[in-house]
């Protein structure tokens, strides 16, 4: 008998799975949450849950800290600036697509 159900992709992962996906120790991930570098959602039992985008963000944090020697306060600023740049690029793309040719 075959199942007619499609596989469900979970939109979040727990602390252990996220740490493994990011290649760091769970305590380091907790530290990033405490520092405000990564956002986690806490369920009623106190477990941390993370969005699927967190491992990529952690890779950026680790690279900035290890490879470029940026301190954690500096990393927060860099991440904010990167997010702002992405916003501006999206706005520019939308605007360019919506413009009518002047010729």
PDB file of N, CA and C in Angstrom:
ATOM      1  N   UNK A   1       0.848  -1.174   0.000  1.00  0.00           N
ATOM      2  CA  UNK A   1       0.000   0.000   0.000  1.00  0.00           C
ATOM      3  C   UNK A   1       0.890   1.232   0.000  1.00  0.00           C
ATOM      4  N   UNK A   2       0.554   2.204  -0.804  1.00  0.00           N
ATOM      5  CA  UNK A   2       1.331   3.440  -0.857  1.00  0.00           C
ATOM      6  C   UNK A   2       0.564   4.558  -0.207  1.00  0.00           C
ATOM      7  N   UNK A   3       1.318   5.503   0.305  1.00  0.00           N
ATOM      8  CA  UNK A   3       0.712   6.657   0.957  1.00  0.00           C
ATOM      9  C   UNK A   3       0.435   7.735  -0.079  1.00  0.00           C
ATOM     10  N   UNK A   4      -0.682   8.365   0.044  1.00  0.00           N
ATOM     11  CA  UNK A   4      -1.050   9.446  -0.862  1.00  0.00           C
ATOM     12  C   UNK A   4      -0.722  10.816  -0.270  1.00  0.00           C
ATOM     13  N   UNK A   5      -0.039  10.809   0.837  1.00  0.00           N
ATOM     14  CA  UNK A   5       0.322  12.054   1.497  1.00  0.00           C
ATOM     15  C   UNK A   5       1.681  12.534   1.006  1.00  0.00           C
ATOM     16  N   UNK A   6       1.776  13.808   0.821  1.00  0.00           N
ATOM     17  CA  UNK A   6       3.058  14.390   0.449  1.00  0.00           C
ATOM     18  C   UNK A   6       3.907  14.566   1.700  1.00  0.00           C
ATOM     19  N   UNK A   7       5.216  14.467   1.576  1.00  0.00           N
ATOM     20  CA  UNK A   7       6.059  14.689   2.748  1.00  0.00           C
ATOM     21  C   UNK A   7       5.914  16.135   3.220  1.00  0.00           C
ATOM     22  N   UNK A   8       5.921  16.307   4.504  1.00  0.00           N
ATOM     23  CA  UNK A   8       5.785  17.628   5.096  1.00  0.00           C
ATOM     24  C   UNK A   8       7.166  18.162   5.419  1.00  0.00           C
ATOM     25  N   UNK A   9       7.449  19.358   4.965  1.00  0.00           N
ATOM     26  CA  UNK A   9       8.728  19.981   5.287  1.00  0.00           C
ATOM     27  C   UNK A   9       8.525  20.887   6.499  1.00  0.00           C
ATOM     28  N   UNK A  10       9.200  20.563   7.565  1.00  0.00           N
ATOM     29  CA  UNK A  10       9.066  21.329   8.791  1.00  0.00           C
ATOM     30  C   UNK A  10       9.764  22.669   8.618  1.00  0.00           C
ATOM     31  N   UNK A  11       9.097  23.723   9.044  1.00  0.00           N
ATOM     32  CA  UNK A  11       9.630  25.071   8.866  1.00  0.00           C
ATOM     33  C   UNK A  11      10.617  25.453   9.961  1.00  0.00           C
ATOM     34  N   UNK A  12      10.834  24.571  10.900  1.00  0.00           N
ATOM     35  CA  UNK A  12      11.757  24.877  11.992  1.00  0.00           C
ATOM     36  C   UNK A  12      12.467  23.615  12.447  1.00  0.00           C
ATOM     37  N   UNK A  13      13.546  23.821  13.188  1.00  0.00           N
ATOM     38  CA  UNK A  13      14.318  22.688  13.712  1.00  0.00           C
ATOM     39  C   UNK A  13      14.705  22.987  15.154  1.00  0.00           C
ATOM     40  N   UNK A  14      14.943  21.951  15.929  1.00  0.00           N
ATOM     41  CA  UNK A  14      15.315  22.153  17.329  1.00  0.00           C
ATOM     42  C   UNK A  14      16.789  22.533  17.446  1.00  0.00           C
ATOM     43  N   UNK A  15      17.221  22.761  18.667  1.00  0.00           N
ATOM     44  CA  UNK A  15      18.589  23.202  18.942  1.00  0.00           C
ATOM     45  C   UNK A  15      19.622  22.228  18.393  1.00  0.00           C
ATOM     46  N   UNK A  16      19.470  20.952  18.690  1.00  0.00           N
ATOM     47  CA  UNK A  16      20.463  19.956  18.282  1.00  0.00           C
ATOM     48  C   UNK A  16      20.565  19.852  16.762  1.00  0.00           C
ATOM     49  N   UNK A  17      19.426  19.783  16.079  1.00  0.00           N
ATOM     50  CA  UNK A  17      19.436  19.655  14.623  1.00  0.00           C
ATOM     51  C   UNK A  17      20.014  20.898  13.960  1.00  0.00           C
ATOM     52  N   UNK A  18      19.701  22.054  14.495  1.00  0.00           N
ATOM     53  CA  UNK A  18      20.212  23.299  13.927  1.00  0.00           C
ATOM     54  C   UNK A  18      21.711  23.415  14.145  1.00  0.00           C
ATOM     55  N   UNK A  19      22.173  23.032  15.324  1.00  0.00           N
ATOM     56  CA  UNK A  19      23.613  23.070  15.607  1.00  0.00           C
ATOM     57  C   UNK A  19      24.369  22.133  14.675  1.00  0.00           C
ATOM     58  N   UNK A  20      23.846  20.938  14.454  1.00  0.00           N
ATOM     59  CA  UNK A  20      24.480  19.993  13.537  1.00  0.00           C
ATOM     60  C   UNK A  20      24.507  20.570  12.121  1.00  0.00           C
ATOM     61  N   UNK A  21      23.390  21.121  11.685  1.00  0.00           N
ATOM     62  CA  UNK A  21      23.310  21.684  10.332  1.00  0.00           C
ATOM     63  C   UNK A  21      24.272  22.854  10.158  1.00  0.00           C
ATOM     64  N   UNK A  22      24.499  23.599  11.245  1.00  0.00           N
ATOM     65  CA  UNK A  22      25.389  24.757  11.187  1.00  0.00           C
ATOM     66  C   UNK A  22      26.845  24.388  11.439  1.00  0.00           C
ATOM     67  N   UNK A  23      27.080  23.183  11.939  1.00  0.00           N
ATOM     68  CA  UNK A  23      28.442  22.739  12.197  1.00  0.00           C
ATOM     69  C   UNK A  23      29.061  23.330  13.453  1.00  0.00           C
ATOM     70  N   UNK A  24      28.228  23.633  14.437  1.00  0.00           N
ATOM     71  CA  UNK A  24      28.727  24.195  15.695  1.00  0.00           C
ATOM     72  C   UNK A  24      28.149  23.416  16.869  1.00  0.00           C
ATOM     73  N   UNK A  25      28.698  23.655  18.047  1.00  0.00           N
ATOM     74  CA  UNK A  25      28.205  23.030  19.272  1.00  0.00           C
ATOM     75  C   UNK A  25      26.905  23.711  19.689  1.00  0.00           C
ATOM     76  N   UNK A  26      25.957  22.957  20.256  1.00  0.00           N
ATOM     77  CA  UNK A  26      24.702  23.565  20.709  1.00  0.00           C
ATOM     78  C   UNK A  26      24.898  24.713  21.701  1.00  0.00           C
ATOM     79  N   UNK A  27      25.912  24.626  22.564  1.00  0.00           N
ATOM     80  CA  UNK A  27      26.162  25.726  23.505  1.00  0.00           C
ATOM     81  C   UNK A  27      26.562  27.008  22.778  1.00  0.00           C
ATOM     82  N   UNK A  28      27.271  26.866  21.683  1.00  0.00           N
ATOM     83  CA  UNK A  28      27.642  28.042  20.890  1.00  0.00           C
ATOM     84  C   UNK A  28      26.403  28.663  20.275  1.00  0.00           C
ATOM     85  N   UNK A  29      25.490  27.829  19.805  1.00  0.00           N
ATOM     86  CA  UNK A  29      24.243  28.330  19.245  1.00  0.00           C
ATOM     87  C   UNK A  29      23.425  29.053  20.319  1.00  0.00           C
ATOM     88  N   UNK A  30      23.393  28.488  21.525  1.00  0.00           N
ATOM     89  CA  UNK A  30      22.712  29.167  22.644  1.00  0.00           C
ATOM     90  C   UNK A  30      23.344  30.532  22.902  1.00  0.00           C
ATOM     91  N   UNK A  31      24.665  30.597  22.840  1.00  0.00           N
ATOM     92  CA  UNK A  31      25.382  31.859  23.049  1.00  0.00           C
ATOM     93  C   UNK A  31      24.974  32.880  21.999  1.00  0.00           C
ATOM     94  N   UNK A  32      24.867  32.445  20.739  1.00  0.00           N
ATOM     95  CA  UNK A  32      24.454  33.353  19.671  1.00  0.00           C
ATOM     96  C   UNK A  32      23.041  33.887  19.918  1.00  0.00           C
ATOM     97  N   UNK A  33      22.175  33.035  20.470  1.00  0.00           N
ATOM     98  CA  UNK A  33      20.816  33.472  20.807  1.00  0.00           C
ATOM     99  C   UNK A  33      20.885  34.517  21.920  1.00  0.00           C
ATOM    100  N   UNK A  34      21.662  34.249  22.966  1.00  0.00           N
ATOM    101  CA  UNK A  34      21.800  35.188  24.082  1.00  0.00           C
ATOM    102  C   UNK A  34      22.351  36.536  23.634  1.00  0.00           C
ATOM    103  N   UNK A  35      23.257  36.517  22.661  1.00  0.00           N
ATOM    104  CA  UNK A  35      23.856  37.749  22.147  1.00  0.00           C
ATOM    105  C   UNK A  35      22.952  38.478  21.150  1.00  0.00           C
ATOM    106  N   UNK A  36      21.852  37.840  20.777  1.00  0.00           N
ATOM    107  CA  UNK A  36      20.930  38.451  19.832  1.00  0.00           C
ATOM    108  C   UNK A  36      21.346  38.328  18.384  1.00  0.00           C
ATOM    109  N   UNK A  37      22.307  37.454  18.104  1.00  0.00           N
ATOM    110  CA  UNK A  37      22.781  37.266  16.736  1.00  0.00           C
ATOM    111  C   UNK A  37      21.873  36.328  15.945  1.00  0.00           C
ATOM    112  N   UNK A  38      21.165  35.469  16.664  1.00  0.00           N
ATOM    113  CA  UNK A  38      20.265  34.489  16.053  1.00  0.00           C
ATOM    114  C   UNK A  38      18.947  34.527  16.824  1.00  0.00           C
ATOM    115  N   UNK A  39      17.851  34.415  16.108  1.00  0.00           N
ATOM    116  CA  UNK A  39      16.532  34.398  16.739  1.00  0.00           C
ATOM    117  C   UNK A  39      16.060  32.965  16.917  1.00  0.00           C
ATOM    118  N   UNK A  40      15.533  32.687  18.094  1.00  0.00           N
ATOM    119  CA  UNK A  40      14.960  31.369  18.384  1.00  0.00           C
ATOM    120  C   UNK A  40      13.581  31.577  18.983  1.00  0.00           C
ATOM    121  N   UNK A  41      12.730  30.605  18.744  1.00  0.00           N
ATOM    122  CA  UNK A  41      11.406  30.611  19.356  1.00  0.00           C
ATOM    123  C   UNK A  41      11.424  29.577  20.470  1.00  0.00           C
ATOM    124  N   UNK A  42      10.829  29.920  21.596  1.00  0.00           N
ATOM    125  CA  UNK A  42      10.810  29.024  22.751  1.00  0.00           C
ATOM    126  C   UNK A  42       9.397  28.469  22.905  1.00  0.00           C
ATOM    127  N   UNK A  43       9.292  27.145  22.975  1.00  0.00           N
ATOM    128  CA  UNK A  43       7.975  26.548  23.167  1.00  0.00           C
ATOM    129  C   UNK A  43       7.619  26.516  24.653  1.00  0.00           C
ATOM    130  N   UNK A  44       6.473  25.979  24.963  1.00  0.00           N
ATOM    131  CA  UNK A  44       5.983  25.977  26.345  1.00  0.00           C
ATOM    132  C   UNK A  44       6.854  25.159  27.296  1.00  0.00           C
ATOM    133  N   UNK A  45       7.608  24.200  26.755  1.00  0.00           N
ATOM    134  CA  UNK A  45       8.492  23.394  27.609  1.00  0.00           C
ATOM    135  C   UNK A  45       9.886  24.012  27.729  1.00  0.00           C
ATOM    136  N   UNK A  46      10.107  25.156  27.059  1.00  0.00           N
ATOM    137  CA  UNK A  46      11.393  25.831  27.150  1.00  0.00           C
ATOM    138  C   UNK A  46      12.398  25.435  26.084  1.00  0.00           C
ATOM    139  N   UNK A  47      11.997  24.564  25.144  1.00  0.00           N
ATOM    140  CA  UNK A  47      12.901  24.142  24.064  1.00  0.00           C
ATOM    141  C   UNK A  47      13.038  25.253  23.024  1.00  0.00           C
ATOM    142  N   UNK A  48      14.255  25.374  22.497  1.00  0.00           N
ATOM    143  CA  UNK A  48      14.515  26.361  21.449  1.00  0.00           C
ATOM    144  C   UNK A  48      14.241  25.754  20.078  1.00  0.00           C
ATOM    145  N   UNK A  49      13.603  26.546  19.220  1.00  0.00           N
ATOM    146  CA  UNK A  49      13.309  26.147  17.850  1.00  0.00           C
ATOM    147  C   UNK A  49      13.819  27.239  16.919  1.00  0.00           C
ATOM    148  N   UNK A  50      14.365  26.829  15.782  1.00  0.00           N
ATOM    149  CA  UNK A  50      15.008  27.754  14.863  1.00  0.00           C
ATOM    150  C   UNK A  50      14.427  27.630  13.464  1.00  0.00           C
ATOM    151  N   UNK A  51      14.410  28.750  12.752  1.00  0.00           N
ATOM    152  CA  UNK A  51      13.995  28.746  11.351  1.00  0.00           C
ATOM    153  C   UNK A  51      15.046  28.009  10.533  1.00  0.00           C
ATOM    154  N   UNK A  52      14.651  27.504   9.389  1.00  0.00           N
ATOM    155  CA  UNK A  52      15.562  26.756   8.511  1.00  0.00           C
ATOM    156  C   UNK A  52      16.681  27.632   7.947  1.00  0.00           C
ATOM    157  N   UNK A  53      16.544  28.943   8.047  1.00  0.00           N
ATOM    158  CA  UNK A  53      17.567  29.859   7.534  1.00  0.00           C
ATOM    159  C   UNK A  53      18.703  30.092   8.523  1.00  0.00           C
ATOM    160  N   UNK A  54      18.552  29.631   9.750  1.00  0.00           N
ATOM    161  CA  UNK A  54      19.536  29.907  10.792  1.00  0.00           C
ATOM    162  C   UNK A  54      20.917  29.313  10.503  1.00  0.00           C
ATOM    163  N   UNK A  55      21.032  28.076  10.006  1.00  0.00           N
ATOM    164  CA  UNK A  55      22.388  27.564   9.734  1.00  0.00           C
ATOM    165  C   UNK A  55      23.198  28.462   8.790  1.00  0.00           C
ATOM    166  N   UNK A  56      22.570  29.012   7.774  1.00  0.00           N
ATOM    167  CA  UNK A  56      23.291  29.911   6.863  1.00  0.00           C
ATOM    168  C   UNK A  56      23.739  31.167   7.600  1.00  0.00           C
ATOM    169  N   UNK A  57      22.893  31.680   8.476  1.00  0.00           N
ATOM    170  CA  UNK A  57      23.255  32.864   9.269  1.00  0.00           C
ATOM    171  C   UNK A  57      24.418  32.538  10.203  1.00  0.00           C
ATOM    172  N   UNK A  58      24.381  31.351  10.799  1.00  0.00           N
ATOM    173  CA  UNK A  58      25.462  30.927  11.697  1.00  0.00           C
ATOM    174  C   UNK A  58      26.779  30.823  10.930  1.00  0.00           C
ATOM    175  N   UNK A  59      26.731  30.303   9.718  1.00  0.00           N
ATOM    176  CA  UNK A  59      27.950  30.220   8.906  1.00  0.00           C
ATOM    177  C   UNK A  59      28.537  31.612   8.687  1.00  0.00           C
ATOM    178  N   UNK A  60      27.681  32.594   8.450  1.00  0.00           N
ATOM    179  CA  UNK A  60      28.146  33.974   8.278  1.00  0.00           C
ATOM    180  C   UNK A  60      28.769  34.491   9.567  1.00  0.00           C
ATOM    181  N   UNK A  61      28.130  34.218  10.690  1.00  0.00           N
ATOM    182  CA  UNK A  61      28.642  34.664  11.994  1.00  0.00           C
ATOM    183  C   UNK A  61      30.015  34.048  12.257  1.00  0.00           C
ATOM    184  N   UNK A  62      30.128  32.742  12.043  1.00  0.00           N
ATOM    185  CA  UNK A  62      31.394  32.042  12.295  1.00  0.00           C
ATOM    186  C   UNK A  62      32.489  32.585  11.380  1.00  0.00           C
ATOM    187  N   UNK A  63      32.154  32.807  10.114  1.00  0.00           N
ATOM    188  CA  UNK A  63      33.150  33.329   9.177  1.00  0.00           C
ATOM    189  C   UNK A  63      33.615  34.723   9.588  1.00  0.00           C
ATOM    190  N   UNK A  64      32.685  35.581   9.965  1.00  0.00           N
ATOM    191  CA  UNK A  64      33.058  36.932  10.386  1.00  0.00           C
ATOM    192  C   UNK A  64      33.952  36.894  11.624  1.00  0.00           C
ATOM    193  N   UNK A  65      33.610  36.023  12.569  1.00  0.00           N
ATOM    194  CA  UNK A  65      34.354  35.963  13.825  1.00  0.00           C
ATOM    195  C   UNK A  65      35.702  35.256  13.661  1.00  0.00           C
ATOM    196  N   UNK A  66      35.699  34.103  13.011  1.00  0.00           N
ATOM    197  CA  UNK A  66      36.925  33.303  12.914  1.00  0.00           C
ATOM    198  C   UNK A  66      37.873  33.791  11.830  1.00  0.00           C
ATOM    199  N   UNK A  67      37.325  34.028  10.650  1.00  0.00           N
ATOM    200  CA  UNK A  67      38.180  34.367   9.512  1.00  0.00           C
ATOM    201  C   UNK A  67      38.544  35.850   9.452  1.00  0.00           C
ATOM    202  N   UNK A  68      37.618  36.704   9.881  1.00  0.00           N
ATOM    203  CA  UNK A  68      37.852  38.143   9.755  1.00  0.00           C
ATOM    204  C   UNK A  68      38.072  38.844  11.096  1.00  0.00           C
ATOM    205  N   UNK A  69      38.049  38.081  12.183  1.00  0.00           N
ATOM    206  CA  UNK A  69      38.311  38.598  13.537  1.00  0.00           C
ATOM    207  C   UNK A  69      37.381  39.743  13.939  1.00  0.00           C
ATOM    208  N   UNK A  70      36.116  39.667  13.512  1.00  0.00           N
ATOM    209  CA  UNK A  70      35.120  40.663  13.921  1.00  0.00           C
ATOM    210  C   UNK A  70      34.540  40.214  15.262  1.00  0.00           C
ATOM    211  N   UNK A  71      34.461  41.129  16.229  1.00  0.00           N
ATOM    212  CA  UNK A  71      33.877  40.755  17.523  1.00  0.00           C
ATOM    213  C   UNK A  71      32.355  40.656  17.394  1.00  0.00           C
ATOM    214  N   UNK A  72      31.706  40.112  18.422  1.00  0.00           N
ATOM    215  CA  UNK A  72      30.277  39.842  18.322  1.00  0.00           C
ATOM    216  C   UNK A  72      29.445  41.108  18.170  1.00  0.00           C
ATOM    217  N   UNK A  73      29.835  42.201  18.798  1.00  0.00           N
ATOM    218  CA  UNK A  73      29.115  43.466  18.615  1.00  0.00           C
ATOM    219  C   UNK A  73      29.239  43.923  17.160  1.00  0.00           C
ATOM    220  N   UNK A  74      30.412  43.780  16.599  1.00  0.00           N
ATOM    221  CA  UNK A  74      30.627  44.130  15.195  1.00  0.00           C
ATOM    222  C   UNK A  74      29.840  43.233  14.265  1.00  0.00           C
ATOM    223  N   UNK A  75      29.722  41.965  14.627  1.00  0.00           N
ATOM    224  CA  UNK A  75      28.958  41.020  13.804  1.00  0.00           C
ATOM    225  C   UNK A  75      27.499  41.438  13.748  1.00  0.00           C
ATOM    226  N   UNK A  76      26.946  41.866  14.875  1.00  0.00           N
ATOM    227  CA  UNK A  76      25.551  42.323  14.890  1.00  0.00           C
ATOM    228  C   UNK A  76      25.365  43.483  13.918  1.00  0.00           C
ATOM    229  N   UNK A  77      26.299  44.409  13.910  1.00  0.00           N
ATOM    230  CA  UNK A  77      26.233  45.546  13.001  1.00  0.00           C
ATOM    231  C   UNK A  77      26.348  45.083  11.543  1.00  0.00           C
ATOM    232  N   UNK A  78      27.290  44.198  11.262  1.00  0.00           N
ATOM    233  CA  UNK A  78      27.471  43.692   9.896  1.00  0.00           C
ATOM    234  C   UNK A  78      26.210  42.976   9.418  1.00  0.00           C
ATOM    235  N   UNK A  79      25.612  42.158  10.274  1.00  0.00           N
ATOM    236  CA  UNK A  79      24.395  41.448   9.890  1.00  0.00           C
ATOM    237  C   UNK A  79      23.252  42.416   9.607  1.00  0.00           C
ATOM    238  N   UNK A  80      23.129  43.462  10.423  1.00  0.00           N
ATOM    239  CA  UNK A  80      22.104  44.482  10.170  1.00  0.00           C
ATOM    240  C   UNK A  80      22.334  45.177   8.836  1.00  0.00           C
ATOM    241  N   UNK A  81      23.589  45.507   8.547  1.00  0.00           N
ATOM    242  CA  UNK A  81      23.910  46.169   7.279  1.00  0.00           C
ATOM    243  C   UNK A  81      23.651  45.245   6.090  1.00  0.00           C
ATOM    244  N   UNK A  82      23.999  43.973   6.211  1.00  0.00           N
ATOM    245  CA  UNK A  82      23.729  43.022   5.137  1.00  0.00           C
ATOM    246  C   UNK A  82      22.229  42.886   4.873  1.00  0.00           C
ATOM    247  N   UNK A  83      21.441  42.860   5.941  1.00  0.00           N
ATOM    248  CA  UNK A  83      19.987  42.781   5.790  1.00  0.00           C
ATOM    249  C   UNK A  83      19.448  44.037   5.106  1.00  0.00           C
ATOM    250  N   UNK A  84      19.981  45.187   5.477  1.00  0.00           N
ATOM    251  CA  UNK A  84      19.552  46.447   4.857  1.00  0.00           C
ATOM    252  C   UNK A  84      19.927  46.484   3.377  1.00  0.00           C
ATOM    253  N   UNK A  85      21.115  46.022   3.042  1.00  0.00           N
ATOM    254  CA  UNK A  85      21.542  45.972   1.641  1.00  0.00           C
ATOM    255  C   UNK A  85      20.603  45.064   0.843  1.00  0.00           C
ATOM    256  N   UNK A  86      20.257  43.927   1.410  1.00  0.00           N
ATOM    257  CA  UNK A  86      19.345  42.999   0.732  1.00  0.00           C
ATOM    258  C   UNK A  86      17.992  43.654   0.490  1.00  0.00           C
ATOM    259  N   UNK A  87      17.495  44.388   1.501  1.00  0.00           N
ATOM    260  CA  UNK A  87      16.233  45.119   1.354  1.00  0.00           C
ATOM    261  C   UNK A  87      16.301  46.120   0.216  1.00  0.00           C
ATOM    262  N   UNK A  88      17.370  46.888   0.188  1.00  0.00           N
ATOM    263  CA  UNK A  88      17.533  47.900  -0.851  1.00  0.00           C
ATOM    264  C   UNK A  88      17.640  47.267  -2.234  1.00  0.00           C
ATOM    265  N   UNK A  89      18.346  46.143  -2.341  1.00  0.00           N
ATOM    266  CA  UNK A  89      18.460  45.453  -3.620  1.00  0.00           C
ATOM    267  C   UNK A  89      17.112  44.928  -4.090  1.00  0.00           C
ATOM    268  N   UNK A  90      16.320  44.393  -3.164  1.00  0.00           N
ATOM    269  CA  UNK A  90      14.986  43.906  -3.525  1.00  0.00           C
ATOM    270  C   UNK A  90      14.104  45.070  -3.978  1.00  0.00           C
ATOM    271  N   UNK A  91      14.179  46.174  -3.266  1.00  0.00           N
ATOM    272  CA  UNK A  91      13.401  47.362  -3.625  1.00  0.00           C
ATOM    273  C   UNK A  91      13.814  47.850  -5.005  1.00  0.00           C
ATOM    274  N   UNK A  92      15.096  47.865  -5.271  1.00  0.00           N
ATOM    275  CA  UNK A  92      15.615  48.323  -6.565  1.00  0.00           C
ATOM    276  C   UNK A  92      15.142  47.400  -7.685  1.00  0.00           C
ATOM    277  N   UNK A  93      15.182  46.093  -7.442  1.00  0.00           N
ATOM    278  CA  UNK A  93      14.743  45.131  -8.443  1.00  0.00           C
ATOM    279  C   UNK A  93      13.258  45.311  -8.734  1.00  0.00           C
ATOM    280  N   UNK A  94      12.456  45.462  -7.718  1.00  0.00           N
ATOM    281  CA  UNK A  94      11.019  45.666  -7.896  1.00  0.00           C
ATOM    282  C   UNK A  94      10.775  46.956  -8.675  1.00  0.00           C
ATOM    283  N   UNK A  95      11.495  47.974  -8.311  1.00  0.00           N
ATOM    284  CA  UNK A  95      11.322  49.264  -8.977  1.00  0.00           C
ATOM    285  C   UNK A  95      11.743  49.193 -10.441  1.00  0.00           C
ATOM    286  N   UNK A  96      12.871  48.531 -10.727  1.00  0.00           N
ATOM    287  CA  UNK A  96      13.329  48.399 -12.097  1.00  0.00           C
ATOM    288  C   UNK A  96      12.343  47.594 -12.952  1.00  0.00           C
ATOM    289  N   UNK A  97      11.788  46.557 -12.371  1.00  0.00           N
ATOM    290  CA  UNK A  97      10.819  45.728 -13.092  1.00  0.00           C
ATOM    291  C   UNK A  97       9.526  46.476 -13.353  1.00  0.00           C
ATOM    292  N   UNK A  98       9.184  47.406 -12.469  1.00  0.00           N
ATOM    293  CA  UNK A  98       7.940  48.157 -12.594  1.00  0.00           C
ATOM    294  C   UNK A  98       8.050  49.400 -13.460  1.00  0.00           C
ATOM    295  N   UNK A  99       9.255  49.841 -13.775  1.00  0.00           N
ATOM    296  CA  UNK A  99       9.455  51.036 -14.598  1.00  0.00           C
ATOM    297  C   UNK A  99       9.053  50.768 -16.038  1.00  0.00           C
ATOM    298  N   UNK A 100       8.498  51.783 -16.654  1.00  0.00           N
ATOM    299  CA  UNK A 100       8.178  51.679 -18.075  1.00  0.00           C
ATOM    300  C   UNK A 100       9.332  52.318 -18.850  1.00  0.00           C
ATOM    301  N   UNK A 101       9.657  51.778 -20.012  1.00  0.00           N
ATOM    302  CA  UNK A 101      10.742  52.368 -20.799  1.00  0.00           C
ATOM    303  C   UNK A 101      10.386  53.786 -21.209  1.00  0.00           C
ATOM    304  N   UNK A 102      11.366  54.651 -21.238  1.00  0.00           N
ATOM    305  CA  UNK A 102      11.126  56.047 -21.577  1.00  0.00           C
ATOM    306  C   UNK A 102      11.205  56.314 -23.073  1.00  0.00           C
ATOM    307  N   UNK A 103      11.587  55.295 -23.831  1.00  0.00           N
ATOM    308  CA  UNK A 103      11.664  55.514 -25.286  1.00  0.00           C
ATOM    309  C   UNK A 103      10.383  55.152 -25.981  1.00  0.00           C
TER     310      UNK A 103
END
